[in-house]
């Protein structure tokens, strides 16, 4: 999704004349969501390709990249990495997605209103553990926690431990929809019987939601996400994406965030007049004030974060919708 969105948006910019009449050249490297691979890719882009701006993806790879980009005064931009550890991590770092601290916070605030003892299942990744850390910091009740490695696929022992702990609710913090799918399948098998909360992976993939609609309905499922826009311009981009790749994009909020990131980048380069003066590019990013993006009027704080936050969604029997009832 990320590469496809970036590729399409840069092509659209080039088809419209580029930036100040010059086409944007994109050099792709695969960090494989692996910190070691990402470090090598970033060093190659800086030392061999002599780039001045890098667009990145996963939280772990951005954490690995940022010491290198900061040392070289290279702008590091992402519309995908959400770990709280990136907030304020560098002067040249900016993102158009909210920190997971807001995701963990809204889930914990909801849990504070309804539960006193919760179980949580956390995948051992920078993203999932970042959301869980904020949840535990904000939640005022008791937490019984089970962590699992990404390589694990059988969670029955962990689920049974939490079930025996007699928690009031279960909070799921997987890294991806497939892991959420596995978790819920095994919760169904073990006849889990308390409400279920979850991070954005709970609400992100329609086909996974469809498979578990009965379970989500029966367990008063509530998840957190930042909401995709409804602007006509976004629907136009989704149509363009679908025509280009033969399918609608998943994670449409992240798609919009990538489009906004490219558009802000292009605007900043036009303002500065050069890609090479990264100090001026950095300062222009900092000075952004209500950029009219697909996600709304965007502004960056002094830690490189946008003025966006997560919201709660509840399952209405068919899909996740903004929470309206006080369950």
Protein backbone atom coordinates (compact mmCIF):
# COMPACT_ATOMS: atom_id res chain seq x y z
CA UNK A 1 0.00 0.00 0.00
CA UNK A 2 2.65 2.54 1.04
CA UNK A 3 4.91 2.15 -1.99
CA UNK A 4 1.98 1.98 -4.38
CA UNK A 5 0.47 5.17 -2.96
CA UNK A 6 3.76 7.06 -3.03
CA UNK A 7 4.52 5.84 -6.55
CA UNK A 8 1.13 6.93 -7.86
CA UNK A 9 1.19 10.34 -6.19
CA UNK A 10 4.69 11.15 -7.44
CA UNK A 11 3.64 10.07 -10.93
CA UNK A 12 0.64 12.39 -10.73
CA UNK A 13 2.90 15.26 -9.68
CA UNK A 14 5.29 14.55 -12.55
CA UNK A 15 2.43 14.30 -15.04
CA UNK A 16 1.30 17.75 -13.87
CA UNK A 17 4.73 19.24 -14.57
CA UNK A 18 6.75 18.11 -11.59
CA UNK A 19 7.98 20.54 -8.97
CA UNK A 20 8.89 23.88 -10.50
CA UNK A 21 9.03 22.17 -13.87
CA UNK A 22 11.37 19.39 -12.74
CA UNK A 23 10.25 15.75 -12.43
CA UNK A 24 10.69 14.05 -9.08
CA UNK A 25 13.11 11.12 -9.23
CA UNK A 26 12.35 8.35 -6.74
CA UNK A 27 14.92 5.72 -5.74
CA UNK A 28 13.37 2.70 -4.03
CA UNK A 29 15.06 0.59 -1.36
CA UNK A 30 13.37 -2.17 0.66
CA UNK A 31 13.96 -1.90 4.40
CA UNK A 32 11.81 -5.04 4.88
CA UNK A 33 10.46 -3.62 8.17
CA UNK A 34 13.79 -4.78 9.60
CA UNK A 35 16.01 -2.30 11.48
CA UNK A 36 19.29 -3.80 10.19
CA UNK A 37 18.09 -3.86 6.57
CA UNK A 38 16.73 -0.33 6.94
CA UNK A 39 20.03 0.99 8.28
CA UNK A 40 21.89 -0.43 5.29
CA UNK A 41 19.30 0.96 2.87
CA UNK A 42 19.44 4.45 4.42
CA UNK A 43 23.24 4.52 4.34
CA UNK A 44 23.18 3.50 0.68
CA UNK A 45 20.61 6.18 -0.19
CA UNK A 46 22.65 8.89 1.57
CA UNK A 47 26.22 7.86 0.71
CA UNK A 48 25.76 6.42 -2.78
CA UNK A 49 22.61 8.00 -4.19
CA UNK A 50 23.18 11.34 -2.39
CA UNK A 51 19.52 11.84 -1.52
CA UNK A 52 18.39 14.69 0.72
CA UNK A 53 14.92 13.39 1.65
CA UNK A 54 13.87 9.86 2.61
CA UNK A 55 10.31 8.56 2.92
CA UNK A 56 10.09 5.66 5.35
CA UNK A 57 7.61 3.10 6.62
CA UNK A 58 7.64 0.84 9.70
CA UNK A 59 8.25 2.13 13.23
CA UNK A 60 11.24 -0.13 13.87
CA UNK A 61 12.96 0.84 10.63
CA UNK A 62 12.41 4.54 11.31
CA UNK A 63 13.93 4.21 14.76
CA UNK A 64 16.96 2.60 13.15
CA UNK A 65 17.14 5.20 10.38
CA UNK A 66 16.80 8.37 12.41
CA UNK A 67 20.31 8.48 13.96
CA UNK A 68 21.75 8.19 10.45
CA UNK A 69 19.50 10.81 8.83
CA UNK A 70 20.01 13.24 11.72
CA UNK A 71 23.79 12.92 11.50
CA UNK A 72 23.62 13.74 7.79
CA UNK A 73 20.93 16.45 8.02
CA UNK A 74 18.63 14.39 5.79
CA UNK A 75 14.88 14.86 6.04
CA UNK A 76 13.11 11.67 7.20
CA UNK A 77 9.38 11.59 6.46
CA UNK A 78 6.77 8.91 7.16
CA UNK A 79 3.04 8.38 6.88
CA UNK A 80 3.19 4.92 8.43
CA UNK A 81 5.45 4.82 11.51
CA UNK A 82 3.40 5.56 14.62
CA UNK A 83 5.48 4.53 17.64
CA UNK A 84 5.58 7.18 20.41
CA UNK A 85 9.36 6.75 20.53
CA UNK A 86 9.64 8.76 17.32
CA UNK A 87 8.06 11.87 18.85
CA UNK A 88 10.85 14.42 19.13
CA UNK A 89 13.44 11.87 18.01
CA UNK A 90 15.07 14.25 15.56
CA UNK A 91 15.06 17.77 14.14
CA UNK A 92 14.65 16.47 10.58
CA UNK A 93 11.83 14.00 11.29
CA UNK A 94 8.14 14.59 10.43
CA UNK A 95 5.09 12.33 10.08
CA UNK A 96 1.52 12.75 8.90
CA UNK A 97 0.10 10.02 11.14
CA UNK A 98 -0.70 10.42 14.84
CA UNK A 99 1.49 8.84 17.49
CA UNK A 100 0.21 5.61 18.99
CA UNK A 101 0.17 7.37 22.33
CA UNK A 102 -3.24 8.75 21.29
CA UNK A 103 -4.43 5.26 20.30
CA UNK A 104 -3.43 3.73 23.62
CA UNK A 105 -4.85 6.71 25.50
CA UNK A 106 -8.37 6.62 24.05
CA UNK A 107 -8.59 2.85 24.62
CA UNK A 108 -7.42 3.24 28.21
CA UNK A 109 -9.81 6.11 28.91
CA UNK A 110 -12.67 3.96 27.63
CA UNK A 111 -11.48 1.04 29.78
CA UNK A 112 -11.29 3.32 32.83
CA UNK A 113 -15.01 4.02 32.48
CA UNK A 114 -16.06 0.39 32.17
CA UNK A 115 -13.52 -2.07 33.60
CA UNK A 116 -11.32 -2.50 36.67
CA UNK A 117 -9.22 -5.50 35.59
CA UNK A 118 -8.26 -6.20 31.98
CA UNK A 119 -6.12 -8.70 30.15
CA UNK A 120 -3.94 -7.56 27.28
CA UNK A 121 -2.21 -9.59 24.58
CA UNK A 122 0.72 -7.76 22.99
CA UNK A 123 2.86 -8.64 19.97
CA UNK A 124 6.53 -7.89 20.61
CA UNK A 125 7.01 -5.18 17.98
CA UNK A 126 7.82 -1.49 18.38
CA UNK A 127 4.35 -0.54 17.14
CA UNK A 128 2.27 -2.90 19.30
CA UNK A 129 4.35 -2.43 22.44
CA UNK A 130 4.17 1.35 21.99
CA UNK A 131 0.37 1.29 22.01
CA UNK A 132 0.32 -1.08 24.97
CA UNK A 133 2.76 1.05 26.98
CA UNK A 134 0.52 4.11 26.75
CA UNK A 135 -2.54 2.00 27.56
CA UNK A 136 -0.91 0.70 30.75
CA UNK A 137 0.25 4.20 31.70
CA UNK A 138 -3.26 5.68 31.41
CA UNK A 139 -5.39 2.75 32.60
CA UNK A 140 -6.15 3.10 36.31
CA UNK A 141 -7.14 -0.53 36.92
CA UNK A 142 -5.23 -3.80 37.06
CA UNK A 143 -3.58 -5.26 33.97
CA UNK A 144 -2.77 -8.93 33.36
CA UNK A 145 -0.43 -9.01 30.37
CA UNK A 146 0.69 -11.68 27.91
CA UNK A 147 3.34 -10.86 25.26
CA UNK A 148 4.03 -12.99 22.19
CA UNK A 149 6.67 -13.13 19.48
CA UNK A 150 5.79 -12.35 15.88
CA UNK A 151 6.81 -15.91 14.97
CA UNK A 152 4.11 -17.37 17.27
CA UNK A 153 0.81 -18.58 15.87
CA UNK A 154 -0.71 -20.54 18.77
CA UNK A 155 -2.05 -18.30 21.55
CA UNK A 156 -4.30 -20.81 23.29
CA UNK A 157 -2.12 -21.14 26.39
CA UNK A 158 -1.91 -17.37 26.77
CA UNK A 159 -5.65 -16.95 26.23
CA UNK A 160 -6.39 -19.67 28.79
CA UNK A 161 -4.17 -17.91 31.37
CA UNK A 162 -6.07 -14.67 30.87
CA UNK A 163 -9.41 -16.46 31.00
CA UNK A 164 -8.44 -18.08 34.31
CA UNK A 165 -7.37 -14.65 35.61
CA UNK A 166 -11.04 -13.62 35.41
CA UNK A 167 -10.43 -10.28 33.70
CA UNK A 168 -13.35 -7.93 32.93
CA UNK A 169 -12.25 -7.38 29.32
CA UNK A 170 -9.54 -8.30 26.84
CA UNK A 171 -7.45 -5.79 24.84
CA UNK A 172 -5.68 -7.00 21.70
CA UNK A 173 -2.48 -5.33 20.48
CA UNK A 174 -1.34 -7.24 17.36
CA UNK A 175 0.97 -5.86 14.68
CA UNK A 176 -1.20 -6.79 11.71
CA UNK A 177 -4.71 -7.89 10.66
CA UNK A 178 -3.55 -11.50 10.04
CA UNK A 179 -2.41 -11.72 13.66
CA UNK A 180 -5.72 -10.24 14.78
CA UNK A 181 -7.44 -12.87 12.65
CA UNK A 182 -5.49 -15.66 14.38
CA UNK A 183 -6.14 -14.26 17.84
CA UNK A 184 -9.88 -13.96 17.36
CA UNK A 185 -10.13 -17.40 15.76
CA UNK A 186 -8.56 -18.91 18.88
CA UNK A 187 -10.68 -16.74 21.19
CA UNK A 188 -13.71 -18.16 19.42
CA UNK A 189 -12.40 -21.71 19.82
CA UNK A 190 -11.86 -21.19 23.56
CA UNK A 191 -15.25 -19.48 23.96
CA UNK A 192 -13.94 -16.17 25.31
CA UNK A 193 -16.78 -14.46 27.19
CA UNK A 194 -15.87 -10.85 28.12
CA UNK A 195 -15.85 -7.65 26.01
CA UNK A 196 -12.98 -7.21 23.56
CA UNK A 197 -11.10 -4.00 22.74
CA UNK A 198 -8.40 -3.60 20.14
CA UNK A 199 -5.97 -1.37 18.32
CA UNK A 200 -6.47 -0.27 14.72
CA UNK A 201 -5.71 -3.78 13.45
CA UNK A 202 -9.12 -4.77 14.78
CA UNK A 203 -10.91 -2.28 12.54
CA UNK A 204 -8.61 -2.14 9.51
CA UNK A 205 -9.50 -5.04 7.21
CA UNK A 206 -13.07 -5.66 6.01
CA UNK A 207 -12.62 -9.34 5.11
CA UNK A 208 -11.22 -10.17 8.56
CA UNK A 209 -14.06 -8.26 10.20
CA UNK A 210 -16.60 -10.13 8.07
CA UNK A 211 -15.22 -13.51 9.19
CA UNK A 212 -15.61 -12.58 12.85
CA UNK A 213 -18.74 -10.41 12.74
CA UNK A 214 -20.72 -12.63 15.12
CA UNK A 215 -17.89 -12.68 17.69
CA UNK A 216 -17.35 -8.92 17.48
CA UNK A 217 -21.08 -8.29 17.95
CA UNK A 218 -21.39 -10.67 20.89
CA UNK A 219 -18.35 -9.19 22.65
CA UNK A 220 -19.21 -5.48 22.33
CA UNK A 221 -16.05 -4.86 20.31
CA UNK A 222 -14.53 -1.38 20.50
CA UNK A 223 -11.42 -0.35 18.57
CA UNK A 224 -9.30 2.73 17.96
CA UNK A 225 -8.25 4.30 14.70
CA UNK A 226 -7.76 7.64 13.04
CA UNK A 227 -10.54 8.11 10.53
CA UNK A 228 -10.11 8.17 6.75
CA UNK A 229 -11.34 11.36 5.10
CA UNK A 230 -14.57 11.72 3.15
CA UNK A 231 -13.35 14.54 0.90
CA UNK A 232 -14.13 14.29 -2.81
CA UNK A 233 -10.43 14.69 -3.59
CA UNK A 234 -9.68 11.56 -1.58
CA UNK A 235 -12.37 9.55 -3.37
CA UNK A 236 -10.82 10.68 -6.65
CA UNK A 237 -7.43 9.37 -5.53
CA UNK A 238 -8.99 6.06 -4.42
CA UNK A 239 -10.53 5.76 -7.90
CA UNK A 240 -7.16 6.49 -9.51
CA UNK A 241 -5.49 3.92 -7.25
CA UNK A 242 -8.13 1.30 -8.09
CA UNK A 243 -7.75 1.92 -11.80
CA UNK A 244 -3.97 1.72 -11.60
CA UNK A 245 -3.65 -1.38 -9.38
CA UNK A 246 -6.90 -3.20 -10.07
CA UNK A 247 -8.17 -3.09 -6.47
CA UNK A 248 -9.20 -0.61 -3.82
CA UNK A 249 -6.50 0.25 -1.29
CA UNK A 250 -6.62 -1.13 2.22
CA UNK A 251 -5.85 1.10 5.23
CA UNK A 252 -7.39 4.09 3.51
CA UNK A 253 -6.54 6.45 6.37
CA UNK A 254 -2.87 5.62 5.78
CA UNK A 255 -3.34 6.12 2.05
CA UNK A 256 -4.63 9.64 2.72
CA UNK A 257 -1.74 10.29 5.09
CA UNK A 258 0.76 9.27 2.38
CA UNK A 259 -0.89 11.54 -0.18
CA UNK A 260 -0.77 14.43 2.28
CA UNK A 261 2.89 13.75 3.04
CA UNK A 262 3.84 13.88 -0.64
CA UNK A 263 1.77 17.02 -1.19
CA UNK A 264 3.33 18.79 1.79
CA UNK A 265 6.79 17.75 0.60
CA UNK A 266 6.11 19.16 -2.87
CA UNK A 267 4.77 22.39 -1.39
CA UNK A 268 7.81 22.80 0.85
CA UNK A 269 10.28 22.16 -1.99
CA UNK A 270 8.49 24.74 -4.14
CA UNK A 271 8.73 27.24 -1.30
CA UNK A 272 12.42 26.62 -0.61
CA UNK A 273 13.32 26.26 -4.28
CA UNK A 274 15.79 23.45 -3.73
CA UNK A 275 16.07 19.90 -2.42
CA UNK A 276 19.65 20.38 -1.28
CA UNK A 277 19.16 22.93 1.51
CA UNK A 278 17.69 20.52 4.03
CA UNK A 279 17.90 23.03 6.87
CA UNK A 280 15.52 25.31 5.00
CA UNK A 281 13.32 22.31 4.15
CA UNK A 282 13.20 21.37 7.84
CA UNK A 283 12.30 24.91 8.85
CA UNK A 284 9.59 25.08 6.17
CA UNK A 285 8.06 21.84 7.48
CA UNK A 286 8.08 23.27 11.00
CA UNK A 287 6.36 26.40 9.76
CA UNK A 288 3.47 24.50 8.11
CA UNK A 289 0.24 26.02 9.42
CA UNK A 290 -3.02 24.28 8.53
CA UNK A 291 -1.93 22.76 5.24
CA UNK A 292 -5.17 21.83 3.41
CA UNK A 293 -4.65 18.06 3.21
CA UNK A 294 -6.97 15.13 2.72
CA UNK A 295 -6.85 14.44 6.46
CA UNK A 296 -7.80 18.03 7.28
CA UNK A 297 -5.83 21.20 7.89
CA UNK A 298 -2.48 19.83 9.02
CA UNK A 299 0.07 21.43 11.34
CA UNK A 300 3.20 19.88 12.87
CA UNK A 301 4.13 20.26 16.53
CA UNK A 302 7.70 20.70 17.79
CA UNK A 303 8.12 16.90 17.91
CA UNK A 304 7.31 16.34 14.24
CA UNK A 305 3.79 15.05 14.92
CA UNK A 306 0.64 16.21 13.09
CA UNK A 307 -2.45 17.63 14.77
CA UNK A 308 -4.29 14.30 14.41
CA UNK A 309 -5.57 11.85 17.02
CA UNK A 310 -7.28 8.48 17.24
CA UNK A 311 -10.99 7.99 17.85
CA UNK A 312 -13.02 5.11 19.25
CA UNK A 313 -15.17 2.95 17.00
CA UNK A 314 -17.77 0.34 17.91
CA UNK A 315 -18.95 -2.65 15.91
CA UNK A 316 -22.54 -2.19 14.74
CA UNK A 317 -23.05 -5.74 13.52
CA UNK A 318 -21.58 -5.13 10.07
CA UNK A 319 -18.75 -2.64 10.39
CA UNK A 320 -16.92 -0.36 12.81
CA UNK A 321 -18.49 3.08 13.17
CA UNK A 322 -17.67 6.08 15.41
CA UNK A 323 -18.64 5.30 18.99
CA UNK A 324 -21.91 7.00 19.87
CA UNK A 325 -23.20 5.01 22.82
CA UNK A 326 -21.82 4.87 26.33
CA UNK A 327 -21.62 1.12 26.73
